[in-house]
């Protein structure tokens, strides 16, 4: 189910968003939703080039697996 979100934007930020939304022929709400989702996905997940670089380093892959195992066991201190 869709959720409603209220935001407070300063005039300058609003103008930037509304111009960008109009340029893409989208509503302001759709533009902000799409831009926010894209930012989260890009900052959270590795792209194909990053993943290839990670997988090319077996020692890094092993350290990531060990960290994942430790996290499941709640072992260590997480910051």
PDB file of N, CA and C in Angstrom:
ATOM      1  N   UNK A   1       0.847  -1.176   0.000  1.00  0.00           N
ATOM      2  CA  UNK A   1       0.000   0.000   0.000  1.00  0.00           C
ATOM      3  C   UNK A   1       0.895   1.241   0.000  1.00  0.00           C
ATOM      4  N   UNK A   2       0.556   2.199  -0.803  1.00  0.00           N
ATOM      5  CA  UNK A   2       1.330   3.435  -0.899  1.00  0.00           C
ATOM      6  C   UNK A   2       1.245   4.226   0.402  1.00  0.00           C
ATOM      7  N   UNK A   3       2.318   4.907   0.716  1.00  0.00           N
ATOM      8  CA  UNK A   3       2.395   5.735   1.916  1.00  0.00           C
ATOM      9  C   UNK A   3       2.525   7.197   1.510  1.00  0.00           C
ATOM     10  N   UNK A   4       2.062   8.090   2.357  1.00  0.00           N
ATOM     11  CA  UNK A   4       2.171   9.520   2.120  1.00  0.00           C
ATOM     12  C   UNK A   4       3.272  10.080   2.994  1.00  0.00           C
ATOM     13  N   UNK A   5       4.077  10.942   2.413  1.00  0.00           N
ATOM     14  CA  UNK A   5       5.200  11.556   3.117  1.00  0.00           C
ATOM     15  C   UNK A   5       5.124  13.063   2.935  1.00  0.00           C
ATOM     16  N   UNK A   6       5.266  13.797   4.013  1.00  0.00           N
ATOM     17  CA  UNK A   6       5.293  15.246   3.940  1.00  0.00           C
ATOM     18  C   UNK A   6       6.727  15.705   4.119  1.00  0.00           C
ATOM     19  N   UNK A   7       7.169  16.601   3.233  1.00  0.00           N
ATOM     20  CA  UNK A   7       8.549  17.098   3.280  1.00  0.00           C
ATOM     21  C   UNK A   7       8.535  18.625   3.336  1.00  0.00           C
ATOM     22  N   UNK A   8       9.546  19.159   3.973  1.00  0.00           N
ATOM     23  CA  UNK A   8       9.735  20.603   3.967  1.00  0.00           C
ATOM     24  C   UNK A   8      11.000  20.879   3.164  1.00  0.00           C
ATOM     25  N   UNK A   9      10.876  21.668   2.103  1.00  0.00           N
ATOM     26  CA  UNK A   9      12.000  22.013   1.252  1.00  0.00           C
ATOM     27  C   UNK A   9      12.170  23.528   1.223  1.00  0.00           C
ATOM     28  N   UNK A  10      13.422  23.968   1.209  1.00  0.00           N
ATOM     29  CA  UNK A  10      13.615  25.403   1.035  1.00  0.00           C
ATOM     30  C   UNK A  10      13.284  25.734  -0.422  1.00  0.00           C
ATOM     31  N   UNK A  11      13.064  27.015  -0.686  1.00  0.00           N
ATOM     32  CA  UNK A  11      12.613  27.459  -2.011  1.00  0.00           C
ATOM     33  C   UNK A  11      13.586  27.063  -3.127  1.00  0.00           C
ATOM     34  N   UNK A  12      14.870  27.189  -2.869  1.00  0.00           N
ATOM     35  CA  UNK A  12      15.878  26.870  -3.878  1.00  0.00           C
ATOM     36  C   UNK A  12      15.853  25.387  -4.238  1.00  0.00           C
ATOM     37  N   UNK A  13      15.774  24.514  -3.229  1.00  0.00           N
ATOM     38  CA  UNK A  13      15.725  23.073  -3.473  1.00  0.00           C
ATOM     39  C   UNK A  13      14.452  22.698  -4.218  1.00  0.00           C
ATOM     40  N   UNK A  14      13.338  23.289  -3.809  1.00  0.00           N
ATOM     41  CA  UNK A  14      12.068  23.034  -4.485  1.00  0.00           C
ATOM     42  C   UNK A  14      12.169  23.400  -5.959  1.00  0.00           C
ATOM     43  N   UNK A  15      12.747  24.560  -6.252  1.00  0.00           N
ATOM     44  CA  UNK A  15      12.876  25.005  -7.643  1.00  0.00           C
ATOM     45  C   UNK A  15      13.729  24.046  -8.464  1.00  0.00           C
ATOM     46  N   UNK A  16      14.813  23.555  -7.886  1.00  0.00           N
ATOM     47  CA  UNK A  16      15.663  22.589  -8.583  1.00  0.00           C
ATOM     48  C   UNK A  16      14.870  21.327  -8.891  1.00  0.00           C
ATOM     49  N   UNK A  17      14.159  20.816  -7.904  1.00  0.00           N
ATOM     50  CA  UNK A  17      13.383  19.591  -8.094  1.00  0.00           C
ATOM     51  C   UNK A  17      12.272  19.779  -9.125  1.00  0.00           C
ATOM     52  N   UNK A  18      11.555  20.882  -9.032  1.00  0.00           N
ATOM     53  CA  UNK A  18      10.415  21.074  -9.933  1.00  0.00           C
ATOM     54  C   UNK A  18      10.890  21.254 -11.375  1.00  0.00           C
ATOM     55  N   UNK A  19      12.010  21.938 -11.576  1.00  0.00           N
ATOM     56  CA  UNK A  19      12.550  22.085 -12.937  1.00  0.00           C
ATOM     57  C   UNK A  19      12.981  20.731 -13.499  1.00  0.00           C
ATOM     58  N   UNK A  20      13.644  19.936 -12.671  1.00  0.00           N
ATOM     59  CA  UNK A  20      14.091  18.608 -13.118  1.00  0.00           C
ATOM     60  C   UNK A  20      12.897  17.708 -13.431  1.00  0.00           C
ATOM     61  N   UNK A  21      11.871  17.750 -12.595  1.00  0.00           N
ATOM     62  CA  UNK A  21      10.676  16.933 -12.822  1.00  0.00           C
ATOM     63  C   UNK A  21       9.984  17.333 -14.123  1.00  0.00           C
ATOM     64  N   UNK A  22       9.861  18.633 -14.355  1.00  0.00           N
ATOM     65  CA  UNK A  22       9.222  19.108 -15.588  1.00  0.00           C
ATOM     66  C   UNK A  22      10.033  18.708 -16.816  1.00  0.00           C
ATOM     67  N   UNK A  23      11.362  18.773 -16.698  1.00  0.00           N
ATOM     68  CA  UNK A  23      12.217  18.400 -17.828  1.00  0.00           C
ATOM     69  C   UNK A  23      12.024  16.941 -18.211  1.00  0.00           C
ATOM     70  N   UNK A  24      11.702  16.113 -17.239  1.00  0.00           N
ATOM     71  CA  UNK A  24      11.472  14.690 -17.496  1.00  0.00           C
ATOM     72  C   UNK A  24       9.989  14.367 -17.657  1.00  0.00           C
ATOM     73  N   UNK A  25       9.154  15.410 -17.653  1.00  0.00           N
ATOM     74  CA  UNK A  25       7.690  15.259 -17.801  1.00  0.00           C
ATOM     75  C   UNK A  25       7.114  14.290 -16.761  1.00  0.00           C
ATOM     76  N   UNK A  26       7.550  14.511 -15.521  1.00  0.00           N
ATOM     77  CA  UNK A  26       7.045  13.687 -14.421  1.00  0.00           C
ATOM     78  C   UNK A  26       6.538  14.602 -13.313  1.00  0.00           C
ATOM     79  N   UNK A  27       5.724  14.032 -12.444  1.00  0.00           N
ATOM     80  CA  UNK A  27       5.264  14.807 -11.291  1.00  0.00           C
ATOM     81  C   UNK A  27       6.430  15.006 -10.326  1.00  0.00           C
ATOM     82  N   UNK A  28       6.317  16.001  -9.487  1.00  0.00           N
ATOM     83  CA  UNK A  28       7.361  16.261  -8.494  1.00  0.00           C
ATOM     84  C   UNK A  28       7.520  15.053  -7.571  1.00  0.00           C
ATOM     85  N   UNK A  29       6.410  14.506  -7.122  1.00  0.00           N
ATOM     86  CA  UNK A  29       6.467  13.354  -6.220  1.00  0.00           C
ATOM     87  C   UNK A  29       7.170  12.174  -6.878  1.00  0.00           C
ATOM     88  N   UNK A  30       6.842  11.907  -8.145  1.00  0.00           N
ATOM     89  CA  UNK A  30       7.476  10.794  -8.849  1.00  0.00           C
ATOM     90  C   UNK A  30       8.959  11.050  -9.054  1.00  0.00           C
ATOM     91  N   UNK A  31       9.319  12.278  -9.374  1.00  0.00           N
ATOM     92  CA  UNK A  31      10.729  12.601  -9.561  1.00  0.00           C
ATOM     93  C   UNK A  31      11.520  12.372  -8.275  1.00  0.00           C
ATOM     94  N   UNK A  32      11.010  12.878  -7.155  1.00  0.00           N
ATOM     95  CA  UNK A  32      11.713  12.736  -5.873  1.00  0.00           C
ATOM     96  C   UNK A  32      11.794  11.265  -5.472  1.00  0.00           C
ATOM     97  N   UNK A  33      10.700  10.525  -5.639  1.00  0.00           N
ATOM     98  CA  UNK A  33      10.703   9.097  -5.293  1.00  0.00           C
ATOM     99  C   UNK A  33      11.746   8.343  -6.114  1.00  0.00           C
ATOM    100  N   UNK A  34      11.763   8.583  -7.423  1.00  0.00           N
ATOM    101  CA  UNK A  34      12.693   7.901  -8.310  1.00  0.00           C
ATOM    102  C   UNK A  34      14.141   8.262  -7.986  1.00  0.00           C
ATOM    103  N   UNK A  35      14.406   9.551  -7.762  1.00  0.00           N
ATOM    104  CA  UNK A  35      15.771  10.004  -7.455  1.00  0.00           C
ATOM    105  C   UNK A  35      16.254   9.422  -6.121  1.00  0.00           C
ATOM    106  N   UNK A  36      15.382   9.412  -5.128  1.00  0.00           N
ATOM    107  CA  UNK A  36      15.762   8.874  -3.817  1.00  0.00           C
ATOM    108  C   UNK A  36      16.031   7.368  -3.908  1.00  0.00           C
ATOM    109  N   UNK A  37      15.179   6.643  -4.600  1.00  0.00           N
ATOM    110  CA  UNK A  37      15.356   5.200  -4.749  1.00  0.00           C
ATOM    111  C   UNK A  37      16.651   4.884  -5.489  1.00  0.00           C
ATOM    112  N   UNK A  38      16.941   5.632  -6.543  1.00  0.00           N
ATOM    113  CA  UNK A  38      18.170   5.430  -7.295  1.00  0.00           C
ATOM    114  C   UNK A  38      19.392   5.660  -6.410  1.00  0.00           C
ATOM    115  N   UNK A  39      19.361   6.713  -5.612  1.00  0.00           N
ATOM    116  CA  UNK A  39      20.483   7.019  -4.717  1.00  0.00           C
ATOM    117  C   UNK A  39      20.706   5.888  -3.712  1.00  0.00           C
ATOM    118  N   UNK A  40      19.639   5.399  -3.127  1.00  0.00           N
ATOM    119  CA  UNK A  40      19.750   4.313  -2.146  1.00  0.00           C
ATOM    120  C   UNK A  40      20.317   3.055  -2.802  1.00  0.00           C
ATOM    121  N   UNK A  41      19.810   2.705  -3.965  1.00  0.00           N
ATOM    122  CA  UNK A  41      20.293   1.506  -4.645  1.00  0.00           C
ATOM    123  C   UNK A  41      21.757   1.637  -5.042  1.00  0.00           C
ATOM    124  N   UNK A  42      22.153   2.794  -5.528  1.00  0.00           N
ATOM    125  CA  UNK A  42      23.538   2.983  -5.955  1.00  0.00           C
ATOM    126  C   UNK A  42      24.509   3.003  -4.780  1.00  0.00           C
ATOM    127  N   UNK A  43      24.064   3.502  -3.645  1.00  0.00           N
ATOM    128  CA  UNK A  43      24.969   3.580  -2.507  1.00  0.00           C
ATOM    129  C   UNK A  43      24.961   2.310  -1.664  1.00  0.00           C
ATOM    130  N   UNK A  44      23.961   1.461  -1.850  1.00  0.00           N
ATOM    131  CA  UNK A  44      23.829   0.252  -1.052  1.00  0.00           C
ATOM    132  C   UNK A  44      24.391  -0.977  -1.739  1.00  0.00           C
ATOM    133  N   UNK A  45      24.252  -1.066  -3.030  1.00  0.00           N
ATOM    134  CA  UNK A  45      24.618  -2.265  -3.764  1.00  0.00           C
ATOM    135  C   UNK A  45      25.816  -2.015  -4.666  1.00  0.00           C
ATOM    136  N   UNK A  46      26.639  -3.021  -4.841  1.00  0.00           N
ATOM    137  CA  UNK A  46      27.791  -2.927  -5.745  1.00  0.00           C
ATOM    138  C   UNK A  46      27.304  -3.105  -7.179  1.00  0.00           C
ATOM    139  N   UNK A  47      27.824  -2.265  -8.089  1.00  0.00           N
ATOM    140  CA  UNK A  47      27.471  -2.452  -9.497  1.00  0.00           C
ATOM    141  C   UNK A  47      28.306  -3.602 -10.071  1.00  0.00           C
ATOM    142  N   UNK A  48      28.083  -3.927 -11.329  1.00  0.00           N
ATOM    143  CA  UNK A  48      28.745  -5.087 -11.939  1.00  0.00           C
ATOM    144  C   UNK A  48      30.273  -4.966 -11.919  1.00  0.00           C
ATOM    145  N   UNK A  49      30.786  -3.785 -12.187  1.00  0.00           N
ATOM    146  CA  UNK A  49      32.244  -3.591 -12.203  1.00  0.00           C
ATOM    147  C   UNK A  49      32.823  -3.762 -10.798  1.00  0.00           C
ATOM    148  N   UNK A  50      32.143  -3.193  -9.796  1.00  0.00           N
ATOM    149  CA  UNK A  50      32.607  -3.339  -8.411  1.00  0.00           C
ATOM    150  C   UNK A  50      32.566  -4.796  -7.970  1.00  0.00           C
ATOM    151  N   UNK A  51      31.492  -5.497  -8.330  1.00  0.00           N
ATOM    152  CA  UNK A  51      31.358  -6.896  -7.938  1.00  0.00           C
ATOM    153  C   UNK A  51      32.439  -7.746  -8.597  1.00  0.00           C
ATOM    154  N   UNK A  52      32.763  -7.481  -9.848  1.00  0.00           N
ATOM    155  CA  UNK A  52      33.821  -8.228 -10.534  1.00  0.00           C
ATOM    156  C   UNK A  52      35.154  -8.001  -9.840  1.00  0.00           C
ATOM    157  N   UNK A  53      35.392  -6.766  -9.421  1.00  0.00           N
ATOM    158  CA  UNK A  53      36.637  -6.458  -8.713  1.00  0.00           C
ATOM    159  C   UNK A  53      36.699  -7.185  -7.367  1.00  0.00           C
ATOM    160  N   UNK A  54      35.602  -7.221  -6.659  1.00  0.00           N
ATOM    161  CA  UNK A  54      35.543  -7.927  -5.368  1.00  0.00           C
ATOM    162  C   UNK A  54      35.791  -9.420  -5.573  1.00  0.00           C
ATOM    163  N   UNK A  55      35.085 -10.006  -6.532  1.00  0.00           N
ATOM    164  CA  UNK A  55      35.198 -11.449  -6.765  1.00  0.00           C
ATOM    165  C   UNK A  55      36.568 -11.855  -7.287  1.00  0.00           C
ATOM    166  N   UNK A  56      37.306 -10.918  -7.853  1.00  0.00           N
ATOM    167  CA  UNK A  56      38.654 -11.210  -8.357  1.00  0.00           C
ATOM    168  C   UNK A  56      39.679 -11.287  -7.231  1.00  0.00           C
ATOM    169  N   UNK A  57      39.263 -10.975  -6.026  1.00  0.00           N
ATOM    170  CA  UNK A  57      40.175 -11.002  -4.878  1.00  0.00           C
ATOM    171  C   UNK A  57      39.696 -12.048  -3.873  1.00  0.00           C
ATOM    172  N   UNK A  58      40.182 -13.280  -3.991  1.00  0.00           N
ATOM    173  CA  UNK A  58      39.715 -14.367  -3.119  1.00  0.00           C
ATOM    174  C   UNK A  58      39.882 -14.071  -1.634  1.00  0.00           C
ATOM    175  N   UNK A  59      40.970 -13.384  -1.264  1.00  0.00           N
ATOM    176  CA  UNK A  59      41.167 -13.076   0.166  1.00  0.00           C
ATOM    177  C   UNK A  59      40.075 -12.133   0.673  1.00  0.00           C
ATOM    178  N   UNK A  60      39.633 -11.215  -0.159  1.00  0.00           N
ATOM    179  CA  UNK A  60      38.558 -10.306   0.233  1.00  0.00           C
ATOM    180  C   UNK A  60      37.242 -11.060   0.357  1.00  0.00           C
ATOM    181  N   UNK A  61      36.977 -11.942  -0.588  1.00  0.00           N
ATOM    182  CA  UNK A  61      35.746 -12.747  -0.543  1.00  0.00           C
ATOM    183  C   UNK A  61      35.709 -13.566   0.741  1.00  0.00           C
ATOM    184  N   UNK A  62      36.828 -14.171   1.109  1.00  0.00           N
ATOM    185  CA  UNK A  62      36.872 -14.972   2.334  1.00  0.00           C
ATOM    186  C   UNK A  62      36.636 -14.108   3.570  1.00  0.00           C
ATOM    187  N   UNK A  63      37.225 -12.917   3.593  1.00  0.00           N
ATOM    188  CA  UNK A  63      37.020 -12.019   4.733  1.00  0.00           C
ATOM    189  C   UNK A  63      35.560 -11.579   4.836  1.00  0.00           C
ATOM    190  N   UNK A  64      34.913 -11.338   3.685  1.00  0.00           N
ATOM    191  CA  UNK A  64      33.496 -10.975   3.683  1.00  0.00           C
ATOM    192  C   UNK A  64      32.633 -12.127   4.187  1.00  0.00           C
ATOM    193  N   UNK A  65      32.963 -13.353   3.757  1.00  0.00           N
ATOM    194  CA  UNK A  65      32.224 -14.524   4.228  1.00  0.00           C
ATOM    195  C   UNK A  65      32.399 -14.709   5.735  1.00  0.00           C
ATOM    196  N   UNK A  66      33.626 -14.532   6.220  1.00  0.00           N
ATOM    197  CA  UNK A  66      33.891 -14.664   7.656  1.00  0.00           C
ATOM    198  C   UNK A  66      33.116 -13.603   8.436  1.00  0.00           C
ATOM    199  N   UNK A  67      33.092 -12.398   7.919  1.00  0.00           N
ATOM    200  CA  UNK A  67      32.339 -11.334   8.574  1.00  0.00           C
ATOM    201  C   UNK A  67      30.852 -11.633   8.612  1.00  0.00           C
ATOM    202  N   UNK A  68      30.354 -12.201   7.535  1.00  0.00           N
ATOM    203  CA  UNK A  68      28.940 -12.574   7.484  1.00  0.00           C
ATOM    204  C   UNK A  68      28.626 -13.671   8.499  1.00  0.00           C
ATOM    205  N   UNK A  69      29.520 -14.659   8.594  1.00  0.00           N
ATOM    206  CA  UNK A  69      29.323 -15.734   9.585  1.00  0.00           C
ATOM    207  C   UNK A  69      29.336 -15.157  11.000  1.00  0.00           C
ATOM    208  N   UNK A  70      30.296 -14.278  11.275  1.00  0.00           N
ATOM    209  CA  UNK A  70      30.379 -13.653  12.596  1.00  0.00           C
ATOM    210  C   UNK A  70      29.122 -12.848  12.908  1.00  0.00           C
ATOM    211  N   UNK A  71      28.608 -12.147  11.914  1.00  0.00           N
ATOM    212  CA  UNK A  71      27.402 -11.344  12.122  1.00  0.00           C
ATOM    213  C   UNK A  71      26.211 -12.236  12.470  1.00  0.00           C
ATOM    214  N   UNK A  72      26.076 -13.371  11.756  1.00  0.00           N
ATOM    215  CA  UNK A  72      24.974 -14.293  12.059  1.00  0.00           C
ATOM    216  C   UNK A  72      25.074 -14.836  13.479  1.00  0.00           C
ATOM    217  N   UNK A  73      26.308 -15.024  13.948  1.00  0.00           N
ATOM    218  CA  UNK A  73      26.526 -15.545  15.303  1.00  0.00           C
ATOM    219  C   UNK A  73      26.534 -14.437  16.347  1.00  0.00           C
ATOM    220  N   UNK A  74      26.383 -13.201  15.881  1.00  0.00           N
ATOM    221  CA  UNK A  74      26.452 -12.020  16.757  1.00  0.00           C
ATOM    222  C   UNK A  74      27.801 -11.968  17.477  1.00  0.00           C
ATOM    223  N   UNK A  75      28.820 -12.364  16.765  1.00  0.00           N
ATOM    224  CA  UNK A  75      30.167 -12.386  17.302  1.00  0.00           C
ATOM    225  C   UNK A  75      30.874 -11.079  16.941  1.00  0.00           C
ATOM    226  N   UNK A  76      31.571 -10.524  17.883  1.00  0.00           N
ATOM    227  CA  UNK A  76      32.334  -9.304  17.635  1.00  0.00           C
ATOM    228  C   UNK A  76      31.518  -8.058  17.930  1.00  0.00           C
ATOM    229  N   UNK A  77      32.128  -6.934  17.613  1.00  0.00           N
ATOM    230  CA  UNK A  77      31.491  -5.641  17.848  1.00  0.00           C
ATOM    231  C   UNK A  77      31.216  -4.980  16.499  1.00  0.00           C
ATOM    232  N   UNK A  78      30.011  -4.569  16.284  1.00  0.00           N
ATOM    233  CA  UNK A  78      29.615  -3.978  15.017  1.00  0.00           C
ATOM    234  C   UNK A  78      29.424  -2.483  15.199  1.00  0.00           C
ATOM    235  N   UNK A  79      30.027  -1.736  14.297  1.00  0.00           N
ATOM    236  CA  UNK A  79      29.918  -0.273  14.366  1.00  0.00           C
ATOM    237  C   UNK A  79      29.389   0.283  13.070  1.00  0.00           C
TER     238      UNK A  79
END
